[in-house]
């Protein structure tokens, strides 16, 4: 039964002891959605191009999968972005996925590109479609979505693995959480599992209940031939990857050397630098050793580039590092989901603006979601968007030792009223954003 992931948590074929990275190709059309930070942005064309390159890189040279390939599991079909009020379906209050703008098919475009590029595994999301032609049950239970749309209409015959915890209630980080059986809460765990298999899934993610499958077969509610179809898909993938031919992939020393290779770290550092997005240039790039007041960065690192002062009144410039605001949620697991409002609370905004008015300030903001920052953009001396860079990388960018080359993967809205009035399934919904999709300035030549 382990081929269904019921004993091992699923996730597809493994190499080097770990699960292959699932490219999230959801479209971040709802700015408040907490998982937008894991996407390629809100644009289907951009996401389609990037996921094709992602899959090509994982699969390696040649046609199809081979012994040197990593199988790509793309998620979350049919697109997890259009969440009602931007809430996430890991939790009951976020289970509804809605399409008031009529853009259901738009969210399918990256999956079509992924299938054409050779994706062999797909993960449906937790959410349940509301107000569409499809049954209002979670996508992992939804035969119209998995069999009707993914397999029959889009022609996908690879592995379908559900997201985690659809069947049984579980502890997550030591906290009790209900099974994410949205729309089928009244079914028993066995009935939920049967509905998942009937929908067309091959693996059940994050579950350890093989006895339920055994019971379904023994009681005649599930034909062994149904299991055989999924076994063929799963074992066929493992054979194509050579997982039964060469067992060196389980060597932990080799895995550490491959995953932590210096060349890979260097490539990642270069990508981080290039991804930085210059929204407002002002005095950038900086030169010399200015007197600098800093907040939100490591002062030891900053002191390598400038002379630090303790009072903004004594500074030539300030550097302020921020991150997109969010509403803290209760519970350890929920605290990892940065959701809710995208603007700073009134008192915090006043603090920020006092600094910006006291001294010319370069603001670097980590955009894990599209922040609402019109006052900060207006009163900052310069504004840089970053997506996970370290402090040394940031100062290299500010002082011209690295060059920001990124473009915004989504619009930055002007207000929360604009966000709340928008349709969660529609990309680039604002007609007058603070900064448009694709915005990104460049340093002057020779700077």
Protein backbone atom coordinates (compact mmCIF):
# COMPACT_ATOMS: atom_id res chain seq x y z
CA UNK A 1 0.00 0.00 0.00
CA UNK A 2 2.94 2.37 0.35
CA UNK A 3 2.74 3.13 -3.37
CA UNK A 4 -0.36 5.15 -2.51
CA UNK A 5 1.59 7.24 -0.04
CA UNK A 6 -0.59 5.99 2.77
CA UNK A 7 2.37 4.79 4.76
CA UNK A 8 5.00 7.30 3.73
CA UNK A 9 3.13 10.54 3.19
CA UNK A 10 3.14 10.37 -0.60
CA UNK A 11 4.77 13.09 -2.62
CA UNK A 12 6.04 11.04 -5.54
CA UNK A 13 9.30 9.33 -6.41
CA UNK A 14 12.26 10.22 -4.25
CA UNK A 15 15.90 10.87 -4.97
CA UNK A 16 18.65 11.69 -2.48
CA UNK A 17 16.26 10.88 0.34
CA UNK A 18 13.86 13.79 -0.26
CA UNK A 19 10.68 14.65 -2.09
CA UNK A 20 11.13 16.49 -5.40
CA UNK A 21 10.20 20.16 -5.24
CA UNK A 22 6.60 20.75 -6.34
CA UNK A 23 6.46 23.88 -8.53
CA UNK A 24 3.49 25.98 -7.29
CA UNK A 25 1.99 27.42 -10.46
CA UNK A 26 -1.05 28.99 -8.86
CA UNK A 27 -1.71 32.57 -9.94
CA UNK A 28 -1.59 35.17 -7.17
CA UNK A 29 -4.65 37.04 -8.40
CA UNK A 30 -5.96 37.52 -4.84
CA UNK A 31 -3.36 39.83 -3.26
CA UNK A 32 -4.22 38.80 0.31
CA UNK A 33 -3.64 35.08 -0.23
CA UNK A 34 -0.88 33.91 2.12
CA UNK A 35 0.63 31.48 -0.37
CA UNK A 36 1.17 34.02 -3.11
CA UNK A 37 4.79 34.22 -2.00
CA UNK A 38 5.37 30.72 -3.35
CA UNK A 39 4.07 31.50 -6.83
CA UNK A 40 5.54 33.11 -9.95
CA UNK A 41 3.07 35.99 -9.63
CA UNK A 42 -0.35 36.81 -11.03
CA UNK A 43 0.25 36.54 -14.78
CA UNK A 44 -0.57 33.28 -16.58
CA UNK A 45 1.76 33.86 -19.52
CA UNK A 46 4.77 34.57 -17.29
CA UNK A 47 3.98 31.60 -15.06
CA UNK A 48 3.58 29.33 -18.08
CA UNK A 49 7.00 30.28 -19.42
CA UNK A 50 8.69 29.85 -16.07
CA UNK A 51 7.12 26.50 -15.22
CA UNK A 52 8.15 25.10 -18.60
CA UNK A 53 11.75 26.12 -17.89
CA UNK A 54 11.48 24.75 -14.34
CA UNK A 55 10.34 21.34 -15.59
CA UNK A 56 12.98 21.28 -18.31
CA UNK A 57 15.64 21.92 -15.68
CA UNK A 58 14.38 19.15 -13.43
CA UNK A 59 13.98 16.56 -16.16
CA UNK A 60 17.39 17.22 -17.72
CA UNK A 61 18.52 16.66 -21.29
CA UNK A 62 16.71 14.25 -23.58
CA UNK A 63 13.06 13.38 -24.00
CA UNK A 64 11.12 12.35 -20.91
CA UNK A 65 12.34 11.17 -17.53
CA UNK A 66 15.52 9.19 -17.02
CA UNK A 67 17.94 8.13 -14.32
CA UNK A 68 19.29 11.68 -13.98
CA UNK A 69 15.88 13.36 -13.83
CA UNK A 70 13.72 14.70 -11.02
CA UNK A 71 9.99 14.26 -11.53
CA UNK A 72 8.06 17.51 -11.21
CA UNK A 73 4.79 17.54 -9.27
CA UNK A 74 3.01 20.76 -10.22
CA UNK A 75 0.42 22.24 -7.89
CA UNK A 76 -2.30 23.16 -7.03
CA UNK A 77 -4.75 22.11 -9.75
CA UNK A 78 -6.87 23.81 -11.06
CA UNK A 79 -5.13 26.85 -9.58
CA UNK A 80 -5.22 27.79 -5.89
CA UNK A 81 -5.19 31.57 -6.13
CA UNK A 82 -8.86 32.68 -6.25
CA UNK A 83 -9.54 32.30 -2.53
CA UNK A 84 -12.54 34.03 -1.01
CA UNK A 85 -11.27 37.03 1.00
CA UNK A 86 -7.75 35.75 0.41
CA UNK A 87 -8.03 33.09 3.13
CA UNK A 88 -6.34 29.72 2.73
CA UNK A 89 -8.12 26.34 2.56
CA UNK A 90 -5.71 24.73 4.99
CA UNK A 91 -8.32 26.07 7.40
CA UNK A 92 -12.15 25.78 7.40
CA UNK A 93 -12.68 29.53 7.07
CA UNK A 94 -10.71 29.53 3.81
CA UNK A 95 -12.22 26.54 2.02
CA UNK A 96 -14.21 28.47 -0.62
CA UNK A 97 -12.64 29.19 -4.01
CA UNK A 98 -14.63 31.63 -6.11
CA UNK A 99 -14.59 33.01 -9.65
CA UNK A 100 -16.77 36.15 -9.73
CA UNK A 101 -14.80 37.50 -12.70
CA UNK A 102 -15.32 34.35 -14.78
CA UNK A 103 -11.58 33.59 -15.02
CA UNK A 104 -11.66 29.87 -14.16
CA UNK A 105 -10.01 28.90 -17.48
CA UNK A 106 -7.32 31.56 -17.08
CA UNK A 107 -5.97 29.71 -14.06
CA UNK A 108 -5.64 26.52 -16.12
CA UNK A 109 -3.13 28.02 -18.56
CA UNK A 110 0.02 27.28 -16.50
CA UNK A 111 -1.12 23.66 -16.04
CA UNK A 112 -1.57 23.27 -19.78
CA UNK A 113 1.96 24.59 -20.24
CA UNK A 114 3.28 22.25 -17.54
CA UNK A 115 1.67 19.20 -19.14
CA UNK A 116 3.05 20.19 -22.54
CA UNK A 117 6.50 20.58 -20.96
CA UNK A 118 6.39 17.03 -19.56
CA UNK A 119 5.08 17.31 -16.00
CA UNK A 120 4.31 13.80 -14.78
CA UNK A 121 2.65 14.56 -11.46
CA UNK A 122 -0.11 16.96 -10.39
CA UNK A 123 -1.43 17.91 -6.95
CA UNK A 124 -4.99 19.27 -6.57
CA UNK A 125 -5.58 21.92 -3.90
CA UNK A 126 -7.68 21.75 -0.77
CA UNK A 127 -10.21 24.36 -1.86
CA UNK A 128 -13.75 23.70 -3.08
CA UNK A 129 -15.16 25.55 -6.10
CA UNK A 130 -18.21 27.66 -5.35
CA UNK A 131 -20.58 28.93 -8.01
CA UNK A 132 -19.11 26.97 -10.92
CA UNK A 133 -20.32 23.99 -12.97
CA UNK A 134 -18.32 21.64 -10.70
CA UNK A 135 -19.39 19.81 -7.57
CA UNK A 136 -18.82 21.92 -4.47
CA UNK A 137 -16.33 19.58 -2.81
CA UNK A 138 -12.59 19.91 -2.33
CA UNK A 139 -10.58 19.45 -5.51
CA UNK A 140 -8.99 16.25 -4.20
CA UNK A 141 -12.47 14.68 -3.94
CA UNK A 142 -13.74 16.16 -7.17
CA UNK A 143 -14.19 13.71 -10.05
CA UNK A 144 -15.24 16.47 -12.42
CA UNK A 145 -11.95 18.26 -11.74
CA UNK A 146 -9.50 15.35 -11.66
CA UNK A 147 -10.98 12.89 -14.15
CA UNK A 148 -13.24 15.15 -16.22
CA UNK A 149 -11.01 18.21 -16.54
CA UNK A 150 -7.42 17.12 -15.85
CA UNK A 151 -7.40 13.63 -17.35
CA UNK A 152 -10.06 13.71 -20.06
CA UNK A 153 -10.06 17.34 -21.23
CA UNK A 154 -6.39 18.21 -20.71
CA UNK A 155 -5.11 14.72 -21.53
CA UNK A 156 -3.00 14.18 -18.41
CA UNK A 157 -2.28 10.52 -17.67
CA UNK A 158 0.36 10.94 -14.98
CA UNK A 159 0.24 10.67 -11.21
CA UNK A 160 -2.30 12.66 -9.20
CA UNK A 161 -1.36 13.09 -5.55
CA UNK A 162 -3.75 14.79 -3.15
CA UNK A 163 -2.64 17.52 -0.81
CA UNK A 164 -2.00 16.50 2.78
CA UNK A 165 -4.56 15.39 5.34
CA UNK A 166 -7.81 14.99 3.43
CA UNK A 167 -8.95 11.80 5.13
CA UNK A 168 -8.29 11.84 8.89
CA UNK A 169 -7.98 14.46 11.63
CA UNK A 170 -4.33 14.96 12.53
CA UNK A 171 -1.88 16.75 14.78
CA UNK A 172 0.06 19.45 12.96
CA UNK A 173 2.95 20.87 14.97
CA UNK A 174 1.38 19.30 18.00
CA UNK A 175 -1.98 21.01 17.42
CA UNK A 176 -5.21 19.18 16.49
CA UNK A 177 -6.50 19.98 12.99
CA UNK A 178 -9.57 18.68 11.21
CA UNK A 179 -9.20 16.69 8.01
CA UNK A 180 -9.43 19.11 5.08
CA UNK A 181 -12.48 17.28 3.77
CA UNK A 182 -14.23 20.39 2.54
CA UNK A 183 -17.71 19.65 1.26
CA UNK A 184 -17.57 16.04 2.48
CA UNK A 185 -17.14 16.65 6.19
CA UNK A 186 -20.06 14.33 6.95
CA UNK A 187 -18.45 11.34 5.25
CA UNK A 188 -16.45 8.81 7.27
CA UNK A 189 -12.68 8.54 6.62
CA UNK A 190 -13.30 5.37 4.61
CA UNK A 191 -15.98 7.08 2.51
CA UNK A 192 -13.70 10.07 1.94
CA UNK A 193 -10.93 7.79 0.71
CA UNK A 194 -13.30 6.02 -1.66
CA UNK A 195 -14.42 9.37 -3.08
CA UNK A 196 -10.77 10.41 -3.59
CA UNK A 197 -10.05 7.22 -5.52
CA UNK A 198 -13.26 7.53 -7.51
CA UNK A 199 -12.24 11.10 -8.37
CA UNK A 200 -9.09 9.73 -10.02
CA UNK A 201 -6.24 10.33 -7.53
CA UNK A 202 -3.34 7.87 -7.29
CA UNK A 203 -1.68 8.96 -4.05
CA UNK A 204 -3.13 10.21 -0.79
CA UNK A 205 -0.80 12.75 0.73
CA UNK A 206 0.12 12.81 4.40
CA UNK A 207 -2.01 9.86 5.54
CA UNK A 208 -1.13 6.60 7.34
CA UNK A 209 -4.28 4.54 6.99
CA UNK A 210 -3.69 1.64 4.54
CA UNK A 211 -6.22 -0.41 6.48
CA UNK A 212 -8.98 1.71 4.96
CA UNK A 213 -7.96 0.66 1.44
CA UNK A 214 -7.83 -2.97 2.54
CA UNK A 215 -11.31 -2.66 4.03
CA UNK A 216 -12.68 -1.10 0.82
CA UNK A 217 -11.34 -3.98 -1.26
CA UNK A 218 -12.40 -6.75 1.14
CA UNK A 219 -15.94 -5.41 1.41
CA UNK A 220 -16.28 -5.15 -2.35
CA UNK A 221 -16.63 -1.36 -2.46
CA UNK A 222 -13.38 -0.94 -4.42
CA UNK A 223 -12.21 -3.09 -7.30
CA UNK A 224 -8.58 -4.21 -7.27
CA UNK A 225 -8.40 -3.12 -10.90
CA UNK A 226 -8.86 0.48 -9.71
CA UNK A 227 -5.79 0.11 -7.52
CA UNK A 228 -3.87 -1.54 -10.33
CA UNK A 229 -4.31 1.52 -12.55
CA UNK A 230 -2.62 3.75 -9.96
CA UNK A 231 0.06 1.16 -9.16
CA UNK A 232 1.02 1.09 -12.84
CA UNK A 233 1.39 4.88 -12.90
CA UNK A 234 3.44 5.03 -9.68
CA UNK A 235 5.75 2.11 -10.32
CA UNK A 236 6.18 3.08 -13.96
CA UNK A 237 7.47 6.48 -12.86
CA UNK A 238 9.91 4.92 -10.40
CA UNK A 239 11.25 2.56 -13.08
CA UNK A 240 11.71 5.43 -15.55
CA UNK A 241 13.69 7.31 -12.91
CA UNK A 242 15.88 4.27 -12.34
CA UNK A 243 15.06 4.08 -8.66
CA UNK A 244 15.23 0.29 -8.66
CA UNK A 245 18.45 0.14 -10.67
CA UNK A 246 20.91 2.34 -8.77
CA UNK A 247 20.63 2.75 -5.02
CA UNK A 248 23.36 5.37 -4.66
CA UNK A 249 20.68 8.04 -4.35
CA UNK A 250 20.10 7.03 -0.73
CA UNK A 251 23.70 7.94 0.26
CA UNK A 252 23.24 10.86 2.73
CA UNK A 253 26.83 12.08 2.19
CA UNK A 254 26.28 12.29 -1.55
CA UNK A 255 22.97 14.07 -1.00
CA UNK A 256 24.59 16.68 1.23
CA UNK A 257 27.35 17.31 -1.31
CA UNK A 258 24.89 17.66 -4.19
CA UNK A 259 22.28 19.80 -2.44
CA UNK A 260 24.79 22.06 -0.68
CA UNK A 261 27.25 22.45 -3.54
CA UNK A 262 29.00 25.83 -3.61
CA UNK A 263 28.18 26.37 -7.29
CA UNK A 264 24.46 26.03 -6.53
CA UNK A 265 24.70 28.50 -3.66
CA UNK A 266 26.50 30.95 -5.93
CA UNK A 267 23.85 30.61 -8.64
CA UNK A 268 21.12 31.19 -6.08
CA UNK A 269 22.88 34.29 -4.77
CA UNK A 270 23.15 35.72 -8.28
CA UNK A 271 19.46 35.06 -8.89
CA UNK A 272 18.53 36.79 -5.62
CA UNK A 273 20.54 39.85 -6.54
CA UNK A 274 19.09 40.07 -10.02
CA UNK A 275 15.52 39.58 -8.79
CA UNK A 276 15.55 42.74 -6.68
CA UNK A 277 13.14 45.27 -8.16
CA UNK A 278 13.91 48.98 -8.17
CA UNK A 279 10.60 50.82 -7.77
CA UNK A 280 11.97 54.32 -7.09
CA UNK A 281 15.63 55.12 -7.68
CA UNK A 282 16.28 58.43 -5.89
CA UNK A 283 19.95 58.53 -4.75
CA UNK A 284 20.68 54.91 -5.67
CA UNK A 285 23.23 53.54 -6.16
CA UNK A 286 25.03 54.99 -3.14
CA UNK A 287 28.75 55.76 -3.11
CA UNK A 288 31.50 56.46 -0.61
CA UNK A 289 30.85 55.91 3.11
CA UNK A 290 27.81 57.98 4.01
CA UNK A 291 26.66 58.50 7.59
CA UNK A 292 23.86 55.97 7.80
CA UNK A 293 21.02 55.33 10.22
CA UNK A 294 19.58 51.83 9.86
CA UNK A 295 16.51 49.95 11.04
CA UNK A 296 15.61 46.34 10.30
CA UNK A 297 19.10 45.30 9.15
CA UNK A 298 22.15 43.85 10.88
CA UNK A 299 24.26 46.85 11.99
CA UNK A 300 27.46 44.81 11.79
CA UNK A 301 26.84 44.16 8.10
CA UNK A 302 25.80 47.77 7.46
CA UNK A 303 29.01 49.03 9.11
CA UNK A 304 31.03 47.35 6.34
CA UNK A 305 29.51 49.81 3.86
CA UNK A 306 28.90 53.03 5.80
CA UNK A 307 29.52 54.93 9.02
CA UNK A 308 26.59 54.24 11.31
CA UNK A 309 24.92 56.83 13.53
CA UNK A 310 22.44 56.28 16.35
CA UNK A 311 20.25 59.32 15.63
CA UNK A 312 18.53 60.00 12.30
CA UNK A 313 19.29 63.70 12.79
CA UNK A 314 23.01 62.92 12.40
CA UNK A 315 22.57 60.82 9.25
CA UNK A 316 23.05 61.62 5.59
CA UNK A 317 20.64 58.80 4.78
CA UNK A 318 18.61 56.09 6.48
CA UNK A 319 18.04 52.52 5.36
CA UNK A 320 14.79 50.97 6.53
CA UNK A 321 13.99 47.33 5.89
CA UNK A 322 10.32 46.29 6.02
CA UNK A 323 8.19 43.29 5.14
CA UNK A 324 4.64 43.13 3.82
CA UNK A 325 2.16 43.62 6.67
CA UNK A 326 -0.20 40.83 7.72
CA UNK A 327 -2.71 39.99 10.44
CA UNK A 328 -1.26 37.53 13.00
CA UNK A 329 -3.37 34.41 13.43
CA UNK A 330 -3.72 32.18 16.50
CA UNK A 331 -2.05 28.80 16.68
CA UNK A 332 1.46 27.74 15.75
CA UNK A 333 0.59 26.34 12.32
CA UNK A 334 -1.69 29.23 11.37
CA UNK A 335 1.01 31.73 12.37
CA UNK A 336 3.02 30.66 9.32
CA UNK A 337 0.24 31.87 7.01
CA UNK A 338 0.66 35.62 6.60
CA UNK A 339 -2.81 36.63 5.48
CA UNK A 340 -5.25 39.48 5.96
CA UNK A 341 -4.68 43.21 5.42
CA UNK A 342 -1.78 44.42 3.30
CA UNK A 343 -1.39 47.90 4.79
CA UNK A 344 0.49 48.91 7.93
CA UNK A 345 -1.53 49.60 11.11
CA UNK A 346 -1.98 53.31 11.74
CA UNK A 347 0.53 53.63 14.58
CA UNK A 348 3.21 51.66 12.77
CA UNK A 349 2.70 53.73 9.62
CA UNK A 350 3.13 56.92 11.63
CA UNK A 351 6.45 55.62 13.00
CA UNK A 352 7.67 54.82 9.50
CA UNK A 353 6.63 58.18 8.08
CA UNK A 354 8.30 60.06 10.95
CA UNK A 355 11.60 58.52 9.93
CA UNK A 356 11.00 59.19 6.24
CA UNK A 357 10.26 62.84 7.02
CA UNK A 358 13.28 63.20 9.33
CA UNK A 359 15.97 62.01 6.90
CA UNK A 360 16.08 60.85 3.27
CA UNK A 361 15.34 57.15 3.60
CA UNK A 362 15.96 54.21 1.33
CA UNK A 363 13.20 51.66 1.96
CA UNK A 364 13.71 48.00 1.11
CA UNK A 365 10.54 45.97 1.46
CA UNK A 366 10.24 42.19 1.32
CA UNK A 367 7.22 41.58 -0.90
CA UNK A 368 5.88 38.22 0.20
CA UNK A 369 2.52 39.67 -0.90
CA UNK A 370 1.60 42.92 -2.70
CA UNK A 371 1.96 45.51 0.07
CA UNK A 372 -0.26 48.61 0.18
CA UNK A 373 2.30 51.39 0.70
CA UNK A 374 1.29 54.59 -1.14
CA UNK A 375 2.46 56.96 1.63
CA UNK A 376 5.77 55.13 2.01
CA UNK A 377 6.38 55.17 -1.74
CA UNK A 378 5.62 58.89 -1.88
CA UNK A 379 7.82 59.95 1.05
CA UNK A 380 10.76 57.58 0.66
CA UNK A 381 13.94 58.72 -1.07
CA UNK A 382 14.21 55.38 -2.84
CA UNK A 383 12.21 52.15 -2.81
CA UNK A 384 13.49 48.64 -3.50
CA UNK A 385 11.43 45.44 -3.53
CA UNK A 386 13.22 42.25 -2.50
CA UNK A 387 12.10 38.66 -2.23
CA UNK A 388 14.21 37.01 0.46
CA UNK A 389 17.66 38.57 0.05
CA UNK A 390 20.08 38.72 2.96
CA UNK A 391 21.44 41.96 4.38
CA UNK A 392 24.81 41.73 2.62
CA UNK A 393 23.09 41.21 -0.71
CA UNK A 394 20.85 44.18 0.05
CA UNK A 395 23.78 46.50 0.74
CA UNK A 396 25.60 45.27 -2.35
CA UNK A 397 22.52 46.35 -4.30
CA UNK A 398 22.26 49.73 -2.55
CA UNK A 399 25.92 50.51 -3.20
CA UNK A 400 25.96 49.35 -6.81
CA UNK A 401 28.09 46.25 -6.29
CA UNK A 402 25.11 44.34 -7.67
CA UNK A 403 22.42 45.56 -10.03
CA UNK A 404 18.66 45.13 -9.50
CA UNK A 405 17.16 43.69 -12.67
CA UNK A 406 13.78 42.40 -11.48
CA UNK A 407 10.25 43.34 -12.47
CA UNK A 408 7.16 43.20 -10.30
CA UNK A 409 5.36 39.84 -10.61
CA UNK A 410 2.11 41.52 -9.55
CA UNK A 411 0.57 44.96 -9.22
CA UNK A 412 0.99 46.96 -6.03
CA UNK A 413 -2.47 48.30 -5.16
CA UNK A 414 -3.06 51.82 -3.86
CA UNK A 415 -5.49 50.94 -1.08
CA UNK A 416 -7.17 48.14 0.81
CA UNK A 417 -10.50 49.37 -0.53
CA UNK A 418 -9.21 48.62 -4.02
CA UNK A 419 -8.12 45.11 -2.94
CA UNK A 420 -11.45 44.35 -1.26
CA UNK A 421 -13.40 45.53 -4.31
CA UNK A 422 -11.44 43.34 -6.70
CA UNK A 423 -12.32 39.88 -8.00
CA UNK A 424 -9.98 37.22 -6.56
CA UNK A 425 -9.76 35.33 -9.86
CA UNK A 426 -8.90 38.33 -12.06
CA UNK A 427 -5.26 39.32 -12.71
CA UNK A 428 -4.08 42.93 -12.83
CA UNK A 429 -7.49 44.09 -11.72
CA UNK A 430 -6.55 47.66 -10.76
CA UNK A 431 -6.91 50.31 -13.43
CA UNK A 432 -4.65 52.67 -11.47
CA UNK A 433 -2.17 50.66 -9.38
CA UNK A 434 0.57 52.28 -7.33
CA UNK A 435 3.04 50.27 -9.43
CA UNK A 436 1.91 48.12 -12.38
CA UNK A 437 2.75 44.50 -13.10
CA UNK A 438 6.17 44.36 -14.73
CA UNK A 439 7.41 47.65 -13.26
CA UNK A 440 11.13 47.78 -12.53
CA UNK A 441 13.65 50.58 -12.99
CA UNK A 442 17.35 50.20 -13.77
CA UNK A 443 20.45 52.00 -12.55
CA UNK A 444 21.87 54.51 -15.04
CA UNK A 445 24.53 53.09 -17.34
CA UNK A 446 27.95 53.32 -15.73
CA UNK A 447 26.54 53.93 -12.26
